[in-house]
Amino acid sequence: MITVIKKIKEHNLYAKTESDIIAEPDFLMIITSVGQMAYTTNNNVLVVPIDCFKD
């Protein structure tokens, strides 16, 4: 499991009020500076080159 999600779950265990609870992300994305194509890793992380955001 990814460290960010572990940290969120740990935080939520000790949250004192409902407003202290952090929602888990819907997806995780890494934006890279180089590459020709986006892909998804085995643990469902999206890897997307910045060029994919151009028109």
N, C-alpha and C. Protein backbone atom coordinates (compact mmCIF):
# COMPACT_ATOMS: atom_id res chain seq x y z
N MET A 1 0.84 -1.19 0.00
CA MET A 1 0.00 0.00 0.00
C MET A 1 0.89 1.24 0.00
N ILE A 2 0.39 2.28 -0.57
CA ILE A 2 1.17 3.49 -0.71
C ILE A 2 1.19 4.25 0.62
N THR A 3 2.33 4.85 0.92
CA THR A 3 2.55 5.52 2.19
C THR A 3 1.53 6.62 2.46
N VAL A 4 1.14 7.37 1.45
CA VAL A 4 0.18 8.47 1.64
C VAL A 4 -1.13 7.93 2.20
N ILE A 5 -1.62 6.84 1.63
CA ILE A 5 -2.88 6.27 2.08
C ILE A 5 -2.74 5.73 3.50
N LYS A 6 -1.60 5.12 3.81
CA LYS A 6 -1.36 4.64 5.18
C LYS A 6 -1.41 5.79 6.17
N LYS A 7 -0.77 6.90 5.82
CA LYS A 7 -0.74 8.07 6.70
C LYS A 7 -2.15 8.63 6.92
N ILE A 8 -2.96 8.67 5.86
CA ILE A 8 -4.32 9.18 5.99
C ILE A 8 -5.13 8.28 6.91
N LYS A 9 -5.02 6.96 6.72
CA LYS A 9 -5.76 6.02 7.58
C LYS A 9 -5.32 6.14 9.03
N GLU A 10 -4.01 6.30 9.26
CA GLU A 10 -3.50 6.46 10.62
C GLU A 10 -4.03 7.75 11.24
N HIS A 11 -4.02 8.83 10.47
CA HIS A 11 -4.55 10.11 10.96
C HIS A 11 -6.02 9.97 11.36
N ASN A 12 -6.79 9.30 10.51
CA ASN A 12 -8.22 9.17 10.76
C ASN A 12 -8.53 8.33 11.99
N LEU A 13 -7.64 7.40 12.35
CA LEU A 13 -7.83 6.61 13.57
C LEU A 13 -7.83 7.49 14.81
N TYR A 14 -7.02 8.54 14.79
CA TYR A 14 -6.85 9.41 15.95
C TYR A 14 -7.59 10.73 15.82
N ALA A 15 -8.41 10.88 14.79
CA ALA A 15 -9.17 12.12 14.61
C ALA A 15 -10.16 12.28 15.76
N LYS A 16 -10.17 13.45 16.35
CA LYS A 16 -11.03 13.70 17.51
C LYS A 16 -12.44 14.09 17.11
N THR A 17 -12.59 14.77 15.99
CA THR A 17 -13.91 15.17 15.53
C THR A 17 -14.09 14.73 14.07
N GLU A 18 -15.31 14.75 13.62
CA GLU A 18 -15.60 14.34 12.25
C GLU A 18 -14.95 15.28 11.23
N SER A 19 -14.80 16.55 11.60
CA SER A 19 -14.19 17.51 10.68
C SER A 19 -12.68 17.30 10.55
N ASP A 20 -12.08 16.52 11.44
CA ASP A 20 -10.64 16.21 11.36
C ASP A 20 -10.34 15.07 10.40
N ILE A 21 -11.37 14.35 9.96
CA ILE A 21 -11.17 13.19 9.10
C ILE A 21 -10.80 13.65 7.69
N ILE A 22 -9.78 13.02 7.13
CA ILE A 22 -9.32 13.32 5.78
C ILE A 22 -9.81 12.22 4.84
N ALA A 23 -10.38 12.62 3.71
CA ALA A 23 -10.85 11.64 2.73
C ALA A 23 -9.66 11.06 1.97
N GLU A 24 -9.74 9.78 1.66
CA GLU A 24 -8.70 9.16 0.85
C GLU A 24 -8.81 9.66 -0.59
N PRO A 25 -7.67 9.78 -1.28
CA PRO A 25 -7.73 10.26 -2.66
C PRO A 25 -8.42 9.24 -3.58
N ASP A 26 -9.07 9.75 -4.61
CA ASP A 26 -9.72 8.87 -5.59
C ASP A 26 -8.68 8.19 -6.47
N PHE A 27 -7.57 8.88 -6.73
CA PHE A 27 -6.49 8.30 -7.52
C PHE A 27 -5.19 9.01 -7.17
N LEU A 28 -4.08 8.39 -7.51
CA LEU A 28 -2.76 8.98 -7.32
C LEU A 28 -2.11 9.14 -8.68
N MET A 29 -1.51 10.32 -8.93
CA MET A 29 -0.91 10.60 -10.23
C MET A 29 0.46 11.22 -10.03
N ILE A 30 1.41 10.75 -10.83
CA ILE A 30 2.75 11.33 -10.91
C ILE A 30 2.84 12.01 -12.26
N ILE A 31 3.21 13.29 -12.27
CA ILE A 31 3.40 14.02 -13.52
C ILE A 31 4.90 14.09 -13.78
N THR A 32 5.32 13.56 -14.93
CA THR A 32 6.74 13.53 -15.29
C THR A 32 7.05 14.58 -16.34
N SER A 33 8.34 14.90 -16.47
CA SER A 33 8.73 15.91 -17.45
C SER A 33 8.97 15.32 -18.83
N VAL A 34 9.23 14.04 -18.90
CA VAL A 34 9.50 13.42 -20.20
C VAL A 34 8.63 12.18 -20.38
N GLY A 35 8.46 11.79 -21.63
CA GLY A 35 7.69 10.60 -21.95
C GLY A 35 6.74 10.89 -23.08
N GLN A 36 6.30 9.85 -23.74
CA GLN A 36 5.41 10.01 -24.88
C GLN A 36 4.01 9.51 -24.59
N MET A 37 3.85 8.77 -23.50
CA MET A 37 2.57 8.13 -23.28
C MET A 37 2.34 7.94 -21.78
N ALA A 38 1.10 8.09 -21.35
CA ALA A 38 0.73 7.86 -19.96
C ALA A 38 0.51 6.36 -19.73
N TYR A 39 0.71 5.92 -18.49
CA TYR A 39 0.45 4.52 -18.16
C TYR A 39 0.09 4.41 -16.68
N THR A 40 -0.41 3.25 -16.31
CA THR A 40 -0.77 2.96 -14.93
C THR A 40 0.13 1.85 -14.41
N THR A 41 0.70 2.05 -13.22
CA THR A 41 1.59 1.05 -12.63
C THR A 41 0.77 -0.10 -12.05
N ASN A 42 1.46 -1.12 -11.60
CA ASN A 42 0.80 -2.29 -11.02
C ASN A 42 -0.03 -1.95 -9.78
N ASN A 43 0.37 -0.89 -9.06
CA ASN A 43 -0.39 -0.51 -7.86
C ASN A 43 -1.32 0.67 -8.13
N ASN A 44 -1.77 0.80 -9.37
CA ASN A 44 -2.80 1.76 -9.80
C ASN A 44 -2.41 3.23 -9.66
N VAL A 45 -1.13 3.55 -9.80
CA VAL A 45 -0.68 4.93 -9.83
C VAL A 45 -0.56 5.35 -11.29
N LEU A 46 -1.18 6.48 -11.62
CA LEU A 46 -1.10 7.00 -12.99
C LEU A 46 0.21 7.76 -13.15
N VAL A 47 0.94 7.48 -14.21
CA VAL A 47 2.18 8.19 -14.55
C VAL A 47 1.91 8.90 -15.87
N VAL A 48 1.93 10.25 -15.83
CA VAL A 48 1.51 11.03 -16.98
C VAL A 48 2.58 12.07 -17.33
N PRO A 49 3.12 12.03 -18.55
CA PRO A 49 4.04 13.08 -18.98
C PRO A 49 3.31 14.42 -19.11
N ILE A 50 3.99 15.52 -18.77
CA ILE A 50 3.38 16.84 -18.83
C ILE A 50 2.91 17.17 -20.23
N ASP A 51 3.57 16.64 -21.25
CA ASP A 51 3.17 16.89 -22.63
C ASP A 51 1.77 16.38 -22.95
N CYS A 52 1.26 15.43 -22.19
CA CYS A 52 -0.09 14.90 -22.42
C CYS A 52 -1.16 15.94 -22.11
N PHE A 53 -0.81 17.02 -21.40
CA PHE A 53 -1.78 18.04 -21.06
C PHE A 53 -1.87 19.15 -22.08
N LYS A 54 -1.04 19.09 -23.13
CA LYS A 54 -1.08 20.11 -24.18
C LYS A 54 -2.28 19.87 -25.08
N ASP A 55 -2.69 20.92 -25.76
CA ASP A 55 -3.79 20.80 -26.73
C ASP A 55 -3.33 20.10 -27.98
